[in-house]
Amino acid sequence: MLVIKNRLRVRTLLIFCCFLGGMALHSCKDNSNASATESETSQNQETATTETDSTSKSILFFGDSLTAGYGLDNPDNAFPALIQNRIDSLGLEYTVINAGLSGETTAGGRNRLEWVLEPDVDIFVLELGANDGLRGVAVAETRENLQWMIDKVKTEAPGAQIVLTGMQLPPNLGTEYTTDFKAIFPELAEENNIALIPFLLEDVGGIASLNQNDGIHPTAEGHKILAENVWEVLGPILKE
């Protein structure tokens, strides 16, 4: 199991290394105190045990560049890290794991999910689909991939609560396509009895001042609003 201590909090790099390198992650032992006395060693072991016993619950954000914080000077300004800050301020025992990968599609998510999904994850936030829409992927294919991932989480991490983030597309992609695409998310949420964030980019999408020069990825200020959109649904779940 991947253990992340409170002082480490959101760690994107570990997830990327796991996926790109295709290898398991292992805890690294600190050998700098090799000459410590027996009593010091015993104290270190006791501290490690305490930290393990108090490990918080985990929230896995599985998504694309929006989750990864693409284009931001500091990944701590991305909405998953802001969610962690809110959690810490409220004294809630949850640790956020950022598994966002820029450019990810739902098809890519299917292939990557097994690398990052732990059986004891407590909350799984699924944020994928936007890149499918921008590439014109068939709505049926996007829906099938999202359903596959929902089923996978339910099977491999049966205790996890799943939160699906809704997405919408700009109207220039065609009325029929954008309407069908938008409907994917509330339909899947209802059919699978899972929580839904209606539209992740609510009050951000299409607003130039809250997006980077590409007009797609939110600025740091935009991510603050994304965090509020997520918290509106996620917060009550954490407080249950």
Protein backbone atom coordinates (compact mmCIF):
# COMPACT_ATOMS: atom_id res chain seq x y z
CA MET A 1 0.00 0.00 0.00
CA LEU A 2 1.23 3.47 -0.79
CA VAL A 3 1.48 5.42 2.47
CA ILE A 4 1.67 9.22 2.33
CA LYS A 5 2.42 11.04 5.58
CA ASN A 6 0.60 14.22 6.47
CA ARG A 7 3.62 16.42 5.89
CA LEU A 8 3.99 15.05 2.36
CA ARG A 9 0.34 15.30 1.39
CA VAL A 10 -0.39 15.62 -2.32
CA ARG A 11 2.18 13.76 -4.39
CA THR A 12 1.73 13.64 -8.14
CA LEU A 13 5.24 12.50 -9.03
CA LEU A 14 4.93 9.18 -7.24
CA ILE A 15 1.88 8.31 -9.28
CA PHE A 16 3.60 9.26 -12.54
CA CYS A 17 6.67 7.19 -11.70
CA CYS A 18 4.48 4.20 -10.91
CA PHE A 19 2.66 4.47 -14.23
CA LEU A 20 5.47 5.51 -16.57
CA GLY A 21 8.12 3.28 -15.05
CA GLY A 22 5.81 0.29 -14.72
CA MET A 23 7.15 -0.67 -11.35
CA ALA A 24 5.83 -0.97 -7.81
CA LEU A 25 6.56 1.77 -5.32
CA HIS A 26 8.46 0.82 -2.20
CA SER A 27 9.17 2.72 0.98
CA CYS A 28 12.71 4.02 1.18
CA LYS A 29 14.61 3.41 4.37
CA ASP A 30 16.68 6.24 5.77
CA ASN A 31 20.22 4.96 6.22
CA SER A 32 21.63 8.25 7.45
CA ASN A 33 21.38 7.08 11.07
CA ALA A 34 23.17 3.77 10.59
CA SER A 35 25.39 4.51 13.56
CA ALA A 36 22.52 5.32 15.93
CA THR A 37 22.49 3.63 19.29
CA GLU A 38 20.10 0.79 20.08
CA SER A 39 17.88 3.09 22.10
CA GLU A 40 17.68 5.59 19.23
CA THR A 41 16.76 2.81 16.81
CA SER A 42 14.02 1.65 19.14
CA GLN A 43 12.68 5.19 19.35
CA ASN A 44 12.64 5.49 15.55
CA GLN A 45 10.74 2.25 15.22
CA GLU A 46 8.18 3.40 17.76
CA THR A 47 7.69 6.67 15.87
CA ALA A 48 7.25 4.84 12.55
CA THR A 49 4.65 2.57 14.12
CA THR A 50 2.74 5.56 15.46
CA GLU A 51 2.73 7.24 12.06
CA THR A 52 1.48 4.08 10.37
CA ASP A 53 -1.27 3.55 12.92
CA SER A 54 -2.52 7.10 12.44
CA THR A 55 -2.48 7.00 8.64
CA SER A 56 -5.41 8.98 7.34
CA LYS A 57 -7.99 7.85 4.85
CA SER A 58 -7.24 8.45 1.18
CA ILE A 59 -8.91 10.40 -1.61
CA LEU A 60 -7.68 9.48 -5.08
CA PHE A 61 -8.20 12.11 -7.76
CA PHE A 62 -7.94 10.28 -11.08
CA GLY A 63 -8.04 12.67 -14.00
CA ASP A 64 -6.41 14.65 -16.78
CA SER A 65 -4.62 18.01 -17.03
CA LEU A 66 -7.32 19.73 -14.95
CA THR A 67 -6.49 17.48 -12.00
CA ALA A 68 -2.75 17.62 -12.71
CA GLY A 69 -2.76 21.43 -12.69
CA TYR A 70 -1.35 21.84 -16.18
CA GLY A 71 0.35 25.18 -16.81
CA LEU A 72 0.44 26.31 -13.19
CA ASP A 73 3.72 27.58 -11.76
CA ASN A 74 3.10 25.53 -8.64
CA PRO A 75 1.12 22.26 -8.59
CA ASP A 76 0.05 23.16 -5.06
CA ASN A 77 -2.28 25.65 -6.74
CA ALA A 78 -4.22 22.87 -8.48
CA PHE A 79 -7.63 22.09 -7.04
CA PRO A 80 -6.70 18.71 -5.45
CA ALA A 81 -4.04 20.43 -3.35
CA LEU A 82 -6.51 23.16 -2.42
CA ILE A 83 -8.91 20.44 -1.31
CA GLN A 84 -6.14 19.04 0.88
CA ASN A 85 -5.64 22.48 2.43
CA ARG A 86 -9.36 22.66 3.23
CA ILE A 87 -9.27 19.18 4.74
CA ASP A 88 -6.30 20.10 6.93
CA SER A 89 -7.91 23.32 8.10
CA LEU A 90 -10.96 21.37 9.27
CA GLY A 91 -8.89 18.70 10.99
CA LEU A 92 -10.30 15.91 8.85
CA GLU A 93 -8.20 12.75 8.56
CA TYR A 94 -7.94 12.42 4.79
CA THR A 95 -4.94 12.49 2.47
CA VAL A 96 -5.31 13.51 -1.17
CA ILE A 97 -3.47 11.59 -3.88
CA ASN A 98 -3.24 13.45 -7.19
CA ALA A 99 -3.26 10.98 -10.09
CA GLY A 100 -3.85 13.54 -12.81
CA LEU A 101 -2.10 13.07 -16.16
CA SER A 102 -2.15 15.79 -18.79
CA GLY A 103 -3.66 14.72 -22.10
CA GLU A 104 -5.40 11.69 -20.60
CA THR A 105 -8.49 10.34 -22.33
CA THR A 106 -10.98 7.84 -20.96
CA ALA A 107 -9.29 5.13 -23.04
CA GLY A 108 -5.95 6.04 -21.49
CA GLY A 109 -7.56 6.03 -18.07
CA ARG A 110 -8.70 2.46 -18.56
CA ASN A 111 -5.12 1.40 -19.24
CA ARG A 112 -3.65 3.41 -16.37
CA LEU A 113 -6.19 2.73 -13.63
CA GLU A 114 -4.64 -0.52 -12.45
CA TRP A 115 -1.35 1.27 -11.74
CA VAL A 116 -2.82 3.74 -9.28
CA LEU A 117 -5.89 2.08 -7.77
CA GLU A 118 -5.38 0.70 -4.27
CA PRO A 119 -7.98 -1.68 -2.82
CA ASP A 120 -8.31 0.35 0.38
CA VAL A 121 -8.86 3.77 -1.20
CA ASP A 122 -11.73 5.50 0.60
CA ILE A 123 -12.90 8.01 -2.01
CA PHE A 124 -12.29 7.85 -5.76
CA VAL A 125 -12.87 11.03 -7.76
CA LEU A 126 -13.14 10.30 -11.49
CA GLU A 127 -12.33 13.35 -13.63
CA LEU A 128 -11.99 12.22 -17.24
CA GLY A 129 -13.79 12.83 -20.51
CA ALA A 130 -12.85 16.39 -21.49
CA ASN A 131 -10.10 15.29 -23.87
CA ASP A 132 -12.47 12.80 -25.47
CA GLY A 133 -14.86 15.62 -26.23
CA LEU A 134 -12.20 17.94 -27.60
CA ARG A 135 -11.01 15.13 -29.90
CA GLY A 136 -14.49 14.24 -31.04
CA VAL A 137 -14.43 10.72 -29.61
CA ALA A 138 -17.78 8.99 -30.02
CA VAL A 139 -20.04 9.62 -27.03
CA ALA A 140 -20.80 5.91 -26.75
CA GLU A 141 -17.09 5.12 -26.45
CA THR A 142 -16.53 7.74 -23.75
CA ARG A 143 -19.51 6.45 -21.83
CA GLU A 144 -18.34 2.84 -22.11
CA ASN A 145 -14.87 3.71 -20.83
CA LEU A 146 -16.20 5.67 -17.87
CA GLN A 147 -18.57 2.83 -16.97
CA TRP A 148 -15.69 0.36 -17.19
CA MET A 149 -13.65 2.42 -14.73
CA ILE A 150 -16.58 2.78 -12.34
CA ASP A 151 -17.08 -1.00 -12.44
CA LYS A 152 -13.35 -1.55 -11.92
CA VAL A 153 -13.31 0.61 -8.81
CA LYS A 154 -16.39 -1.09 -7.42
CA THR A 155 -14.72 -4.47 -7.93
CA GLU A 156 -11.16 -3.71 -6.87
CA ALA A 157 -11.94 -1.16 -4.13
CA PRO A 158 -15.44 -2.13 -2.97
CA GLY A 159 -15.31 0.15 0.05
CA ALA A 160 -14.61 3.29 -1.96
CA GLN A 161 -17.16 6.02 -2.49
CA ILE A 162 -17.05 7.19 -6.12
CA VAL A 163 -17.47 10.79 -7.16
CA LEU A 164 -17.88 11.59 -10.86
CA THR A 165 -17.09 15.06 -12.18
CA GLY A 166 -19.37 16.30 -14.92
CA MET A 167 -17.99 18.03 -17.99
CA GLN A 168 -19.41 20.17 -20.77
CA LEU A 169 -18.05 21.22 -24.15
CA PRO A 170 -18.04 24.54 -26.01
CA PRO A 171 -21.00 24.92 -28.41
CA ASN A 172 -18.81 25.18 -31.49
CA LEU A 173 -18.40 21.39 -31.45
CA GLY A 174 -22.02 20.95 -32.52
CA THR A 175 -25.30 21.01 -30.63
CA GLU A 176 -26.10 17.30 -30.89
CA TYR A 177 -22.64 16.16 -29.86
CA THR A 178 -22.29 18.59 -26.95
CA THR A 179 -25.78 17.77 -25.67
CA ASP A 180 -25.17 14.01 -25.79
CA PHE A 181 -21.75 14.45 -24.18
CA LYS A 182 -23.10 16.54 -21.31
CA ALA A 183 -25.73 13.90 -20.57
CA ILE A 184 -23.14 11.13 -20.05
CA PHE A 185 -22.22 12.21 -16.54
CA PRO A 186 -25.58 12.66 -14.78
CA GLU A 187 -26.85 9.48 -16.43
CA LEU A 188 -23.87 7.44 -15.23
CA ALA A 189 -24.12 8.92 -11.75
CA GLU A 190 -27.79 7.98 -11.49
CA GLU A 191 -27.38 4.51 -12.99
CA ASN A 192 -24.46 3.68 -10.67
CA ASN A 193 -25.78 5.46 -7.58
CA ILE A 194 -22.63 7.55 -7.20
CA ALA A 195 -22.07 11.21 -6.32
CA LEU A 196 -21.89 13.80 -9.12
CA ILE A 197 -20.18 17.16 -9.39
CA PRO A 198 -22.49 18.60 -12.07
CA PHE A 199 -19.86 20.65 -13.93
CA LEU A 200 -16.27 20.87 -12.74
CA LEU A 201 -15.62 24.09 -14.68
CA GLU A 202 -18.74 25.89 -13.47
CA ASP A 203 -18.09 29.66 -13.31
CA VAL A 204 -14.65 29.13 -14.90
CA GLY A 205 -15.14 27.64 -18.36
CA GLY A 206 -15.25 30.32 -21.06
CA ILE A 207 -14.16 33.13 -18.73
CA ALA A 208 -10.90 34.50 -20.15
CA SER A 209 -9.62 36.03 -16.91
CA LEU A 210 -9.83 32.67 -15.13
CA ASN A 211 -8.12 30.64 -17.86
CA GLN A 212 -4.62 30.46 -19.25
CA ASN A 213 -3.76 31.71 -22.73
CA ASP A 214 -5.00 28.48 -24.31
CA GLY A 215 -8.51 29.29 -23.07
CA ILE A 216 -8.87 25.75 -21.73
CA HIS A 217 -6.82 25.34 -18.58
CA PRO A 218 -7.71 27.35 -15.48
CA THR A 219 -5.34 29.78 -13.82
CA ALA A 220 -4.54 29.56 -10.12
CA GLU A 221 -7.58 31.75 -9.46
CA GLY A 222 -9.68 29.47 -11.63
CA HIS A 223 -8.55 26.44 -9.66
CA LYS A 224 -9.82 28.07 -6.48
CA ILE A 225 -13.29 28.03 -8.00
CA LEU A 226 -12.84 24.44 -9.16
CA ALA A 227 -11.96 23.50 -5.59
CA GLU A 228 -15.19 25.12 -4.39
CA ASN A 229 -17.18 23.22 -7.03
CA VAL A 230 -15.63 19.96 -5.86
CA TRP A 231 -15.99 20.75 -2.17
CA GLU A 232 -19.69 21.41 -2.53
CA VAL A 233 -20.15 17.70 -3.21
CA LEU A 234 -17.09 16.18 -1.56
CA GLY A 235 -17.28 18.12 1.71
CA PRO A 236 -20.50 16.55 2.97
CA ILE A 237 -19.17 13.09 2.14
CA LEU A 238 -16.04 13.68 4.23
CA LYS A 239 -18.08 14.91 7.15
CA GLU A 240 -20.43 11.92 7.22
